[in-house]
Amino acid sequence: MLPSIPKIPVSKNPIINLIRDILIVLIIVAVIGAVLFGVSGTWPALVAVESESMVPNMNIGDLVFVVEENRYDGFMTAVEAASSGKISFGGYGDVIVYQPNGETGVTPIIHRAITWINASTAELAGFTGDAAHAGYITKGDNNELYDQNAGMQPVKDEWIVGKALFAIPLIGLVPLHIFEATLIVIVILIIIELVGRRLKKNKDSEKEMSTKTGKKR
């Protein structure tokens, strides 16, 4: 015999019920976030593809699960993977998610790590000033130029959010707005509660009027 599932207590006070429902939604979101972080080791653990730079191996709207770059079979650039035969998303080398030029608050870039260069090599390659440092050379599979030929600096280790582990087509826009979705759910709960209270009040008023009318007869 299966154990009975405990029922969530319901209060006679509608405000308490509303607060309870909001807390349940927030707890569910927090648990989901904690599980994702625990599995991936990085944050955000889910990102969406927003451009065609990785076509045909990643497409707009794909939901990409991101993990810390050294988890799950380590990390390899395209140059390293070519000798070992490691394939990721239809090509040699891992696809990384990184903050362009280390800037936070901007949309991360999802491109393939091609090779690593040191500071001396960076200078020989024409990088100057703040850009003359060690880092990864990256490129979108569908792009003709390397990112570093288009204004990006070599990607430092600390700029890497993680590596792409797998992608799910078409549903990438949903997780991007999980906090907005939570807010919408909370607003809907408030509206439902207010409407429910209004309907109950109208029903009680009609019942009271009906009772009074019956007594007069």
N, C-alpha and C. Protein backbone atom coordinates (compact mmCIF):
# COMPACT_ATOMS: atom_id res chain seq x y z
N MET A 1 0.85 -1.20 0.00
CA MET A 1 0.00 0.00 0.00
C MET A 1 0.88 1.25 0.00
N LEU A 2 0.62 2.14 -0.91
CA LEU A 2 1.43 3.34 -1.03
C LEU A 2 1.11 4.30 0.11
N PRO A 3 2.14 4.98 0.64
CA PRO A 3 1.90 5.95 1.71
C PRO A 3 1.11 7.13 1.18
N SER A 4 0.25 7.65 2.02
CA SER A 4 -0.58 8.79 1.62
C SER A 4 0.26 10.05 1.55
N ILE A 5 -0.02 10.88 0.56
CA ILE A 5 0.70 12.14 0.39
C ILE A 5 0.09 13.18 1.32
N PRO A 6 0.92 13.78 2.18
CA PRO A 6 0.36 14.78 3.11
C PRO A 6 -0.22 15.97 2.36
N LYS A 7 -1.37 16.42 2.83
CA LYS A 7 -2.03 17.55 2.20
C LYS A 7 -1.46 18.86 2.73
N ILE A 8 -1.34 19.83 1.84
CA ILE A 8 -0.88 21.15 2.25
C ILE A 8 -2.01 21.84 3.00
N PRO A 9 -1.76 22.27 4.24
CA PRO A 9 -2.84 22.88 5.02
C PRO A 9 -3.40 24.13 4.36
N VAL A 10 -4.69 24.28 4.43
CA VAL A 10 -5.37 25.43 3.85
C VAL A 10 -5.95 26.26 4.98
N SER A 11 -5.66 27.54 4.94
CA SER A 11 -6.14 28.44 5.97
C SER A 11 -7.46 29.07 5.54
N LYS A 12 -8.24 29.50 6.50
CA LYS A 12 -9.46 30.22 6.19
C LYS A 12 -9.17 31.65 5.76
N ASN A 13 -7.95 32.09 6.06
CA ASN A 13 -7.54 33.44 5.67
C ASN A 13 -6.96 33.40 4.26
N PRO A 14 -7.59 34.05 3.27
CA PRO A 14 -7.11 33.99 1.88
C PRO A 14 -5.72 34.60 1.70
N ILE A 15 -5.37 35.59 2.51
CA ILE A 15 -4.05 36.20 2.40
C ILE A 15 -2.96 35.18 2.75
N ILE A 16 -3.21 34.40 3.79
CA ILE A 16 -2.24 33.37 4.19
C ILE A 16 -2.10 32.33 3.09
N ASN A 17 -3.21 31.95 2.47
CA ASN A 17 -3.17 30.99 1.36
C ASN A 17 -2.36 31.54 0.19
N LEU A 18 -2.53 32.82 -0.10
CA LEU A 18 -1.80 33.45 -1.21
C LEU A 18 -0.30 33.47 -0.92
N ILE A 19 0.06 33.86 0.30
CA ILE A 19 1.47 33.88 0.69
C ILE A 19 2.06 32.47 0.61
N ARG A 20 1.29 31.48 1.04
CA ARG A 20 1.75 30.09 0.96
C ARG A 20 2.02 29.68 -0.47
N ASP A 21 1.11 30.03 -1.38
CA ASP A 21 1.28 29.66 -2.80
C ASP A 21 2.51 30.33 -3.40
N ILE A 22 2.73 31.60 -3.07
CA ILE A 22 3.90 32.32 -3.58
C ILE A 22 5.18 31.68 -3.06
N LEU A 23 5.20 31.32 -1.78
CA LEU A 23 6.38 30.68 -1.20
C LEU A 23 6.67 29.34 -1.87
N ILE A 24 5.63 28.60 -2.19
CA ILE A 24 5.81 27.31 -2.86
C ILE A 24 6.46 27.51 -4.23
N VAL A 25 5.99 28.51 -4.98
CA VAL A 25 6.56 28.80 -6.29
C VAL A 25 8.04 29.19 -6.16
N LEU A 26 8.35 30.05 -5.20
CA LEU A 26 9.74 30.49 -5.01
C LEU A 26 10.64 29.33 -4.58
N ILE A 27 10.12 28.45 -3.74
CA ILE A 27 10.91 27.30 -3.29
C ILE A 27 11.20 26.37 -4.46
N ILE A 28 10.19 26.13 -5.31
CA ILE A 28 10.38 25.26 -6.48
C ILE A 28 11.46 25.83 -7.40
N VAL A 29 11.40 27.15 -7.65
CA VAL A 29 12.39 27.79 -8.51
C VAL A 29 13.79 27.68 -7.89
N ALA A 30 13.88 27.90 -6.58
CA ALA A 30 15.17 27.82 -5.89
C ALA A 30 15.74 26.41 -5.95
N VAL A 31 14.89 25.41 -5.78
CA VAL A 31 15.34 24.01 -5.82
C VAL A 31 15.85 23.66 -7.22
N ILE A 32 15.10 24.08 -8.24
CA ILE A 32 15.52 23.82 -9.62
C ILE A 32 16.88 24.46 -9.88
N GLY A 33 17.05 25.72 -9.46
CA GLY A 33 18.32 26.41 -9.65
C GLY A 33 19.46 25.72 -8.92
N ALA A 34 19.21 25.25 -7.69
CA ALA A 34 20.25 24.57 -6.92
C ALA A 34 20.66 23.25 -7.56
N VAL A 35 19.68 22.52 -8.08
CA VAL A 35 19.98 21.24 -8.74
C VAL A 35 20.80 21.47 -10.01
N LEU A 36 20.40 22.47 -10.80
CA LEU A 36 21.14 22.77 -12.02
C LEU A 36 22.58 23.16 -11.72
N PHE A 37 22.76 23.99 -10.69
CA PHE A 37 24.13 24.41 -10.33
C PHE A 37 24.95 23.23 -9.82
N GLY A 38 24.31 22.35 -9.04
CA GLY A 38 25.01 21.20 -8.51
C GLY A 38 25.49 20.25 -9.60
N VAL A 39 24.68 20.08 -10.63
CA VAL A 39 25.03 19.17 -11.72
C VAL A 39 26.06 19.81 -12.65
N SER A 40 25.88 21.10 -12.93
CA SER A 40 26.72 21.76 -13.94
C SER A 40 28.01 22.35 -13.37
N GLY A 41 27.96 22.80 -12.12
CA GLY A 41 29.13 23.42 -11.52
C GLY A 41 29.38 24.84 -11.97
N THR A 42 28.44 25.43 -12.69
CA THR A 42 28.60 26.81 -13.16
C THR A 42 27.23 27.46 -13.26
N TRP A 43 27.24 28.78 -13.48
CA TRP A 43 25.97 29.51 -13.62
C TRP A 43 26.16 30.66 -14.60
N PRO A 44 25.27 30.85 -15.58
CA PRO A 44 24.04 30.07 -15.76
C PRO A 44 24.31 28.69 -16.33
N ALA A 45 23.48 27.73 -15.94
CA ALA A 45 23.63 26.36 -16.42
C ALA A 45 22.87 26.15 -17.73
N LEU A 46 21.99 27.06 -18.04
CA LEU A 46 21.20 26.97 -19.27
C LEU A 46 21.32 28.29 -20.04
N VAL A 47 21.67 28.20 -21.29
CA VAL A 47 21.70 29.39 -22.14
C VAL A 47 21.01 29.06 -23.46
N ALA A 48 20.59 30.09 -24.15
CA ALA A 48 19.92 29.90 -25.43
C ALA A 48 20.77 30.45 -26.57
N VAL A 49 20.73 29.78 -27.69
CA VAL A 49 21.43 30.25 -28.88
C VAL A 49 20.60 31.36 -29.52
N GLU A 50 21.21 32.52 -29.73
CA GLU A 50 20.47 33.67 -30.24
C GLU A 50 20.94 34.13 -31.61
N SER A 51 21.92 33.45 -32.20
CA SER A 51 22.39 33.84 -33.53
C SER A 51 22.67 32.60 -34.36
N GLU A 52 23.02 32.82 -35.62
CA GLU A 52 23.30 31.71 -36.54
C GLU A 52 24.79 31.40 -36.65
N SER A 53 25.60 31.91 -35.71
CA SER A 53 27.05 31.77 -35.83
C SER A 53 27.53 30.33 -35.67
N MET A 54 26.70 29.44 -35.09
CA MET A 54 27.11 28.05 -34.90
C MET A 54 26.33 27.08 -35.79
N VAL A 55 25.55 27.60 -36.72
CA VAL A 55 24.81 26.76 -37.66
C VAL A 55 25.82 25.96 -38.49
N PRO A 56 25.59 24.67 -38.78
CA PRO A 56 24.37 23.90 -38.51
C PRO A 56 24.41 23.11 -37.21
N ASN A 57 25.47 23.28 -36.42
CA ASN A 57 25.63 22.47 -35.21
C ASN A 57 24.86 22.99 -34.01
N MET A 58 24.52 24.27 -34.05
CA MET A 58 23.62 24.88 -33.08
C MET A 58 22.76 25.88 -33.84
N ASN A 59 21.48 25.94 -33.49
CA ASN A 59 20.57 26.82 -34.20
C ASN A 59 19.87 27.77 -33.24
N ILE A 60 19.35 28.85 -33.78
CA ILE A 60 18.63 29.83 -32.97
C ILE A 60 17.48 29.13 -32.24
N GLY A 61 17.39 29.39 -30.94
CA GLY A 61 16.33 28.78 -30.13
C GLY A 61 16.73 27.50 -29.44
N ASP A 62 17.92 26.98 -29.74
CA ASP A 62 18.39 25.79 -29.04
C ASP A 62 18.66 26.12 -27.57
N LEU A 63 18.29 25.20 -26.70
CA LEU A 63 18.60 25.33 -25.28
C LEU A 63 19.88 24.54 -25.01
N VAL A 64 20.90 25.21 -24.52
CA VAL A 64 22.21 24.59 -24.32
C VAL A 64 22.45 24.41 -22.83
N PHE A 65 22.79 23.17 -22.45
CA PHE A 65 23.15 22.88 -21.06
C PHE A 65 24.65 23.08 -20.92
N VAL A 66 25.04 23.95 -20.00
CA VAL A 66 26.44 24.35 -19.84
C VAL A 66 26.99 23.77 -18.54
N VAL A 67 28.22 23.23 -18.61
CA VAL A 67 28.87 22.69 -17.42
C VAL A 67 30.26 23.32 -17.27
N GLU A 68 30.81 23.23 -16.07
CA GLU A 68 32.17 23.69 -15.83
C GLU A 68 33.09 22.98 -16.82
N GLU A 69 34.01 23.71 -17.45
CA GLU A 69 34.70 23.21 -18.64
C GLU A 69 35.51 21.94 -18.43
N ASN A 70 35.95 21.66 -17.20
CA ASN A 70 36.75 20.47 -16.97
C ASN A 70 35.94 19.26 -16.51
N ARG A 71 34.63 19.42 -16.40
CA ARG A 71 33.77 18.29 -16.03
C ARG A 71 33.44 17.45 -17.25
N TYR A 72 33.07 16.20 -16.97
CA TYR A 72 32.55 15.31 -18.01
C TYR A 72 33.48 15.23 -19.23
N ASP A 73 34.52 14.45 -19.09
CA ASP A 73 35.44 14.15 -20.18
C ASP A 73 36.40 15.29 -20.48
N GLY A 74 36.63 16.18 -19.53
CA GLY A 74 37.65 17.21 -19.69
C GLY A 74 37.35 18.24 -20.77
N PHE A 75 38.39 19.00 -21.11
CA PHE A 75 38.24 20.10 -22.06
C PHE A 75 39.34 20.03 -23.11
N MET A 76 38.98 20.20 -24.37
CA MET A 76 39.94 20.18 -25.47
C MET A 76 39.61 21.26 -26.48
N THR A 77 40.66 21.90 -26.99
CA THR A 77 40.48 22.81 -28.11
C THR A 77 40.37 22.00 -29.39
N ALA A 78 40.05 22.66 -30.49
CA ALA A 78 39.94 21.97 -31.78
C ALA A 78 41.28 21.38 -32.20
N VAL A 79 42.37 22.12 -31.94
CA VAL A 79 43.70 21.63 -32.30
C VAL A 79 44.04 20.37 -31.52
N GLU A 80 43.74 20.37 -30.22
CA GLU A 80 44.01 19.20 -29.38
C GLU A 80 43.12 18.03 -29.77
N ALA A 81 41.86 18.31 -30.04
CA ALA A 81 40.90 17.24 -30.33
C ALA A 81 41.14 16.60 -31.68
N ALA A 82 41.76 17.33 -32.62
CA ALA A 82 42.00 16.78 -33.95
C ALA A 82 42.89 15.55 -33.90
N SER A 83 43.82 15.54 -32.93
CA SER A 83 44.74 14.39 -32.83
C SER A 83 44.12 13.24 -32.06
N SER A 84 43.15 13.56 -31.18
CA SER A 84 42.53 12.50 -30.38
C SER A 84 41.22 12.01 -30.98
N GLY A 85 40.66 12.82 -31.90
CA GLY A 85 39.41 12.42 -32.55
C GLY A 85 38.16 12.78 -31.77
N LYS A 86 38.29 13.60 -30.73
CA LYS A 86 37.12 13.98 -29.93
C LYS A 86 36.23 14.95 -30.71
N ILE A 87 34.97 14.57 -30.84
CA ILE A 87 34.00 15.39 -31.57
C ILE A 87 32.98 15.97 -30.59
N SER A 88 32.68 17.24 -30.74
CA SER A 88 31.66 17.89 -29.93
C SER A 88 30.84 18.80 -30.82
N PHE A 89 29.56 18.59 -30.85
CA PHE A 89 28.66 19.39 -31.69
C PHE A 89 29.14 19.44 -33.13
N GLY A 90 29.42 18.28 -33.66
CA GLY A 90 29.73 18.16 -35.08
C GLY A 90 31.10 18.64 -35.52
N GLY A 91 32.01 18.88 -34.59
CA GLY A 91 33.35 19.34 -34.97
C GLY A 91 34.36 19.01 -33.89
N TYR A 92 35.63 19.19 -34.21
CA TYR A 92 36.68 18.95 -33.23
C TYR A 92 36.71 20.08 -32.20
N GLY A 93 36.91 19.69 -30.95
CA GLY A 93 37.05 20.69 -29.89
C GLY A 93 35.74 21.04 -29.22
N ASP A 94 35.87 21.50 -27.98
CA ASP A 94 34.67 21.86 -27.21
C ASP A 94 34.16 23.25 -27.57
N VAL A 95 32.87 23.39 -27.43
CA VAL A 95 32.22 24.69 -27.61
C VAL A 95 32.10 25.34 -26.24
N ILE A 96 32.62 26.54 -26.11
CA ILE A 96 32.61 27.22 -24.81
C ILE A 96 31.64 28.39 -24.82
N VAL A 97 31.18 28.72 -23.63
CA VAL A 97 30.36 29.92 -23.41
C VAL A 97 31.24 30.89 -22.64
N TYR A 98 31.47 32.08 -23.18
CA TYR A 98 32.37 33.02 -22.52
C TYR A 98 31.85 34.45 -22.57
N GLN A 99 32.33 35.25 -21.62
CA GLN A 99 31.99 36.66 -21.59
C GLN A 99 32.96 37.41 -22.51
N PRO A 100 32.46 38.07 -23.56
CA PRO A 100 33.35 38.75 -24.51
C PRO A 100 34.19 39.83 -23.84
N ASN A 101 35.51 39.68 -24.00
CA ASN A 101 36.47 40.61 -23.41
C ASN A 101 36.29 40.75 -21.89
N GLY A 102 35.73 39.71 -21.28
CA GLY A 102 35.56 39.70 -19.83
C GLY A 102 34.45 40.58 -19.31
N GLU A 103 33.63 41.13 -20.19
CA GLU A 103 32.56 42.05 -19.78
C GLU A 103 31.38 41.27 -19.21
N THR A 104 30.95 41.65 -18.03
CA THR A 104 29.76 41.04 -17.43
C THR A 104 28.55 41.89 -17.78
N GLY A 105 27.39 41.30 -17.67
CA GLY A 105 26.17 42.04 -17.98
C GLY A 105 25.85 42.10 -19.46
N VAL A 106 26.63 41.40 -20.28
CA VAL A 106 26.34 41.33 -21.72
C VAL A 106 26.07 39.88 -22.08
N THR A 107 25.47 39.69 -23.25
CA THR A 107 25.14 38.34 -23.68
C THR A 107 26.40 37.53 -23.93
N PRO A 108 26.54 36.36 -23.28
CA PRO A 108 27.73 35.52 -23.52
C PRO A 108 27.76 35.03 -24.97
N ILE A 109 28.94 34.65 -25.41
CA ILE A 109 29.14 34.11 -26.76
C ILE A 109 29.33 32.60 -26.66
N ILE A 110 28.68 31.87 -27.57
CA ILE A 110 28.79 30.41 -27.62
C ILE A 110 29.53 30.04 -28.90
N HIS A 111 30.85 29.83 -28.79
CA HIS A 111 31.66 29.50 -29.95
C HIS A 111 32.66 28.40 -29.61
N ARG A 112 33.26 27.83 -30.65
CA ARG A 112 34.20 26.73 -30.46
C ARG A 112 35.59 27.26 -30.09
N ALA A 113 36.22 26.59 -29.12
CA ALA A 113 37.60 26.92 -28.75
C ALA A 113 38.53 26.26 -29.76
N ILE A 114 39.28 27.07 -30.50
CA ILE A 114 40.13 26.54 -31.57
C ILE A 114 41.51 26.16 -31.04
N THR A 115 42.16 27.08 -30.35
CA THR A 115 43.50 26.79 -29.82
C THR A 115 43.81 27.78 -28.71
N TRP A 116 44.91 27.50 -28.00
CA TRP A 116 45.38 28.38 -26.93
C TRP A 116 46.67 29.06 -27.38
N ILE A 117 46.79 30.34 -27.09
CA ILE A 117 48.04 31.04 -27.40
C ILE A 117 48.56 31.68 -26.13
N ASN A 118 49.89 31.80 -26.04
CA ASN A 118 50.48 32.49 -24.89
C ASN A 118 50.68 33.97 -25.21
N ALA A 119 51.17 34.72 -24.25
CA ALA A 119 51.30 36.18 -24.42
C ALA A 119 52.25 36.52 -25.56
N SER A 120 53.36 35.77 -25.68
CA SER A 120 54.33 36.05 -26.75
C SER A 120 53.70 35.82 -28.12
N THR A 121 52.95 34.73 -28.24
CA THR A 121 52.28 34.43 -29.50
C THR A 121 51.23 35.49 -29.82
N ALA A 122 50.56 35.98 -28.78
CA ALA A 122 49.54 37.02 -28.98
C ALA A 122 50.17 38.27 -29.57
N GLU A 123 51.33 38.65 -29.08
CA GLU A 123 52.01 39.84 -29.59
C GLU A 123 52.44 39.63 -31.04
N LEU A 124 52.96 38.44 -31.33
CA LEU A 124 53.37 38.14 -32.71
C LEU A 124 52.18 38.13 -33.65
N ALA A 125 50.99 37.77 -33.11
CA ALA A 125 49.79 37.72 -33.93
C ALA A 125 49.16 39.10 -34.13
N GLY A 126 49.76 40.12 -33.49
CA GLY A 126 49.28 41.49 -33.71
C GLY A 126 48.42 42.04 -32.60
N PHE A 127 48.23 41.31 -31.52
CA PHE A 127 47.46 41.84 -30.39
C PHE A 127 48.33 42.83 -29.63
N THR A 128 47.74 43.94 -29.27
CA THR A 128 48.48 44.99 -28.57
C THR A 128 47.73 45.44 -27.32
N GLY A 129 48.44 46.15 -26.45
CA GLY A 129 47.80 46.70 -25.25
C GLY A 129 47.21 45.63 -24.37
N ASP A 130 45.97 45.86 -23.91
CA ASP A 130 45.29 44.92 -23.02
C ASP A 130 44.99 43.59 -23.70
N ALA A 131 44.98 43.57 -25.03
CA ALA A 131 44.65 42.34 -25.75
C ALA A 131 45.84 41.41 -25.92
N ALA A 132 47.03 41.87 -25.58
CA ALA A 132 48.24 41.06 -25.78
C ALA A 132 48.46 40.14 -24.59
N HIS A 133 47.57 39.20 -24.44
CA HIS A 133 47.67 38.27 -23.31
C HIS A 133 47.33 36.85 -23.77
N ALA A 134 47.65 35.89 -22.92
CA ALA A 134 47.35 34.50 -23.23
C ALA A 134 45.84 34.25 -23.20
N GLY A 135 45.39 33.31 -24.00
CA GLY A 135 43.96 32.99 -24.01
C GLY A 135 43.60 32.08 -25.17
N TYR A 136 42.33 31.79 -25.27
CA TYR A 136 41.84 30.91 -26.34
C TYR A 136 41.44 31.71 -27.57
N ILE A 137 41.74 31.16 -28.73
CA ILE A 137 41.22 31.69 -29.98
C ILE A 137 39.93 30.92 -30.27
N THR A 138 38.86 31.65 -30.58
CA THR A 138 37.55 31.04 -30.73
C THR A 138 36.92 31.41 -32.08
N LYS A 139 35.92 30.63 -32.46
CA LYS A 139 35.29 30.88 -33.76
C LYS A 139 33.92 30.22 -33.80
N GLY A 140 32.96 30.90 -34.40
CA GLY A 140 31.68 30.28 -34.67
C GLY A 140 31.79 29.38 -35.88
N ASP A 141 31.18 28.21 -35.84
CA ASP A 141 31.30 27.26 -36.95
C ASP A 141 30.80 27.83 -38.26
N ASN A 142 29.88 28.77 -38.18
CA ASN A 142 29.29 29.35 -39.38
C ASN A 142 29.93 30.69 -39.77
N ASN A 143 30.95 31.09 -39.02
CA ASN A 143 31.62 32.37 -39.29
C ASN A 143 32.89 32.16 -40.12
N GLU A 144 33.20 33.13 -40.93
CA GLU A 144 34.43 33.06 -41.72
C GLU A 144 35.65 33.48 -40.90
N LEU A 145 35.45 34.43 -39.99
CA LEU A 145 36.57 34.97 -39.21
C LEU A 145 36.58 34.41 -37.80
N TYR A 146 37.77 34.34 -37.23
CA TYR A 146 37.88 34.05 -35.81
C TYR A 146 37.32 35.24 -35.04
N ASP A 147 36.83 34.97 -33.82
CA ASP A 147 36.32 36.07 -33.00
C ASP A 147 37.39 37.13 -32.78
N GLN A 148 38.63 36.69 -32.67
CA GLN A 148 39.73 37.60 -32.37
C GLN A 148 40.13 38.44 -33.59
N ASN A 149 39.58 38.11 -34.75
CA ASN A 149 39.74 38.98 -35.92
C ASN A 149 38.58 39.95 -36.04
N ALA A 150 37.65 39.86 -35.10
CA ALA A 150 36.46 40.71 -35.15
C ALA A 150 36.32 41.54 -33.88
N GLY A 151 37.45 41.88 -33.27
CA GLY A 151 37.42 42.79 -32.13
C GLY A 151 37.46 42.14 -30.76
N MET A 152 37.47 40.80 -30.70
CA MET A 152 37.53 40.12 -29.42
C MET A 152 38.97 39.83 -29.03
N GLN A 153 39.24 39.89 -27.74
CA GLN A 153 40.54 39.52 -27.23
C GLN A 153 40.61 38.00 -27.05
N PRO A 154 41.83 37.43 -26.97
CA PRO A 154 41.93 36.02 -26.61
C PRO A 154 41.18 35.78 -25.30
N VAL A 155 40.47 34.66 -25.23
CA VAL A 155 39.57 34.40 -24.10
C VAL A 155 40.36 33.86 -22.91
N LYS A 156 40.42 34.62 -21.83
CA LYS A 156 41.08 34.17 -20.62
C LYS A 156 40.26 33.08 -19.94
N ASP A 157 40.93 32.25 -19.14
CA ASP A 157 40.23 31.17 -18.42
C ASP A 157 39.09 31.72 -17.57
N GLU A 158 39.35 32.84 -16.90
CA GLU A 158 38.33 33.38 -15.98
C GLU A 158 37.13 33.97 -16.71
N TRP A 159 37.22 34.15 -18.01
CA TRP A 159 36.08 34.66 -18.77
C TRP A 159 35.15 33.55 -19.23
N ILE A 160 35.58 32.32 -19.07
CA ILE A 160 34.78 31.19 -19.54
C ILE A 160 33.70 30.84 -18.51
N VAL A 161 32.46 30.85 -18.96
CA VAL A 161 31.34 30.44 -18.11
C VAL A 161 31.33 28.92 -18.00
N GLY A 162 31.59 28.23 -19.10
CA GLY A 162 31.61 26.77 -19.12
C GLY A 162 31.64 26.27 -20.55
N LYS A 163 31.51 24.97 -20.68
CA LYS A 163 31.46 24.37 -22.01
C LYS A 163 30.07 23.81 -22.26
N ALA A 164 29.67 23.78 -23.51
CA ALA A 164 28.36 23.25 -23.88
C ALA A 164 28.41 21.73 -23.85
N LEU A 165 27.47 21.12 -23.14
CA LEU A 165 27.45 19.66 -23.02
C LEU A 165 26.48 19.04 -24.02
N PHE A 166 25.27 19.60 -24.08
CA PHE A 166 24.29 19.15 -25.08
C PHE A 166 23.28 20.26 -25.30
N ALA A 167 22.51 20.12 -26.37
CA ALA A 167 21.51 21.15 -26.72
C ALA A 167 20.18 20.49 -27.04
N ILE A 168 19.11 21.17 -26.66
CA ILE A 168 17.75 20.73 -26.98
C ILE A 168 17.15 21.76 -27.93
N PRO A 169 16.70 21.34 -29.10
CA PRO A 169 16.18 22.31 -30.09
C PRO A 169 14.92 23.02 -29.64
N LEU A 170 14.80 24.27 -30.06
CA LEU A 170 13.56 25.04 -30.07
C LEU A 170 13.06 25.58 -28.74
N ILE A 171 13.55 25.10 -27.61
CA ILE A 171 12.97 25.55 -26.34
C ILE A 171 13.91 26.48 -25.57
N GLY A 172 14.85 27.07 -26.27
CA GLY A 172 15.86 27.87 -25.60
C GLY A 172 15.38 29.18 -25.00
N LEU A 173 14.24 29.69 -25.45
CA LEU A 173 13.80 30.98 -24.96
C LEU A 173 13.12 30.89 -23.60
N VAL A 174 12.65 29.71 -23.22
CA VAL A 174 11.91 29.57 -21.96
C VAL A 174 12.79 29.78 -20.74
N PRO A 175 13.93 29.06 -20.58
CA PRO A 175 14.73 29.22 -19.36
C PRO A 175 15.38 30.58 -19.21
N LEU A 176 15.54 31.31 -20.32
CA LEU A 176 16.15 32.62 -20.24
C LEU A 176 15.32 33.56 -19.38
N HIS A 177 14.03 33.29 -19.30
CA HIS A 177 13.12 34.19 -18.60
C HIS A 177 12.46 33.49 -17.42
N ILE A 178 13.24 32.62 -16.73
CA ILE A 178 12.66 31.85 -15.64
C ILE A 178 12.21 32.76 -14.50
N PHE A 179 12.98 33.84 -14.23
CA PHE A 179 12.59 34.73 -13.14
C PHE A 179 11.38 35.58 -13.53
N GLU A 180 11.35 35.99 -14.80
CA GLU A 180 10.17 36.71 -15.28
C GLU A 180 8.94 35.80 -15.24
N ALA A 181 9.15 34.52 -15.62
CA ALA A 181 8.05 33.56 -15.60
C ALA A 181 7.55 33.35 -14.17
N THR A 182 8.49 33.31 -13.21
CA THR A 182 8.10 33.18 -11.80
C THR A 182 7.26 34.36 -11.37
N LEU A 183 7.67 35.56 -11.77
CA LEU A 183 6.91 36.76 -11.43
C LEU A 183 5.52 36.71 -12.03
N ILE A 184 5.43 36.24 -13.29
CA ILE A 184 4.13 36.12 -13.95
C ILE A 184 3.23 35.15 -13.20
N VAL A 185 3.82 34.01 -12.77
CA VAL A 185 3.04 33.02 -12.02
C VAL A 185 2.51 33.62 -10.72
N ILE A 186 3.38 34.40 -10.03
CA ILE A 186 2.95 35.03 -8.78
C ILE A 186 1.82 36.02 -9.03
N VAL A 187 1.95 36.81 -10.11
CA VAL A 187 0.88 37.76 -10.44
C VAL A 187 -0.42 37.03 -10.75
N ILE A 188 -0.32 35.91 -11.48
CA ILE A 188 -1.51 35.12 -11.80
C ILE A 188 -2.16 34.58 -10.53
N LEU A 189 -1.32 34.12 -9.58
CA LEU A 189 -1.86 33.62 -8.31
C LEU A 189 -2.61 34.73 -7.56
N ILE A 190 -2.03 35.94 -7.59
CA ILE A 190 -2.69 37.06 -6.92
C ILE A 190 -4.02 37.38 -7.59
N ILE A 191 -4.02 37.39 -8.93
CA ILE A 191 -5.27 37.67 -9.67
C ILE A 191 -6.33 36.61 -9.37
N ILE A 192 -5.89 35.33 -9.39
CA ILE A 192 -6.84 34.24 -9.10
C ILE A 192 -7.42 34.40 -7.70
N GLU A 193 -6.56 34.75 -6.75
CA GLU A 193 -7.03 34.91 -5.37
C GLU A 193 -8.02 36.07 -5.27
N LEU A 194 -7.70 37.19 -5.93
CA LEU A 194 -8.59 38.35 -5.87
C LEU A 194 -9.93 38.06 -6.55
N VAL A 195 -9.86 37.41 -7.71
CA VAL A 195 -11.09 37.05 -8.42
C VAL A 195 -11.91 36.07 -7.60
N GLY A 196 -11.22 35.10 -6.99
CA GLY A 196 -11.92 34.11 -6.16
C GLY A 196 -12.62 34.76 -4.98
N ARG A 197 -11.93 35.71 -4.37
CA ARG A 197 -12.55 36.41 -3.24
C ARG A 197 -13.74 37.24 -3.69
N ARG A 198 -13.62 37.86 -4.87
CA ARG A 198 -14.72 38.66 -5.40
C ARG A 198 -15.94 37.80 -5.71
N LEU A 199 -15.69 36.65 -6.35
CA LEU A 199 -16.78 35.73 -6.68
C LEU A 199 -17.46 35.19 -5.43
N LYS A 200 -16.61 34.87 -4.43
CA LYS A 200 -17.17 34.36 -3.17
C LYS A 200 -18.02 35.42 -2.48
N LYS A 201 -17.53 36.67 -2.53
CA LYS A 201 -18.28 37.77 -1.91
C LYS A 201 -19.62 37.96 -2.61
N ASN A 202 -19.60 37.90 -3.96
CA ASN A 202 -20.86 38.05 -4.72
C ASN A 202 -21.81 36.89 -4.42
N LYS A 203 -21.24 35.69 -4.33
CA LYS A 203 -22.07 34.51 -4.05
C LYS A 203 -22.69 34.60 -2.67
N ASP A 204 -21.91 35.06 -1.68
CA ASP A 204 -22.43 35.21 -0.32
C ASP A 204 -23.51 36.29 -0.28
N SER A 205 -23.31 37.38 -1.07
CA SER A 205 -24.31 38.45 -1.11
C SER A 205 -25.62 37.94 -1.71
N GLU A 206 -25.51 37.17 -2.82
CA GLU A 206 -26.71 36.61 -3.44
C GLU A 206 -27.42 35.63 -2.51
N LYS A 207 -26.64 34.85 -1.79
CA LYS A 207 -27.23 33.89 -0.87
C LYS A 207 -27.95 34.61 0.27
N GLU A 208 -27.33 35.72 0.74
CA GLU A 208 -27.94 36.50 1.81
C GLU A 208 -29.23 37.15 1.33
N MET A 209 -29.21 37.69 0.12
CA MET A 209 -30.42 38.31 -0.43
C MET A 209 -31.52 37.28 -0.63
N SER A 210 -31.12 36.10 -1.11
CA SER A 210 -32.10 35.03 -1.33
C SER A 210 -32.73 34.61 -0.01
N THR A 211 -31.92 34.57 1.04
CA THR A 211 -32.43 34.19 2.36
C THR A 211 -33.41 35.22 2.88
N LYS A 212 -33.06 36.51 2.70
CA LYS A 212 -33.95 37.58 3.15
C LYS A 212 -35.27 37.56 2.39
N THR A 213 -35.17 37.33 1.08
CA THR A 213 -36.38 37.29 0.25
C THR A 213 -37.28 36.15 0.68
N GLY A 214 -36.68 35.02 0.98
CA GLY A 214 -37.46 33.85 1.42
C GLY A 214 -38.17 34.09 2.73
N LYS A 215 -37.51 34.82 3.64
CA LYS A 215 -38.12 35.12 4.93
C LYS A 215 -39.30 36.06 4.77
N LYS A 216 -39.17 37.04 3.83
CA LYS A 216 -40.27 37.99 3.63
C LYS A 216 -41.50 37.27 3.11
N ARG A 217 -41.32 36.26 2.27
CA ARG A 217 -42.46 35.53 1.77
C ARG A 217 -43.15 34.75 2.88
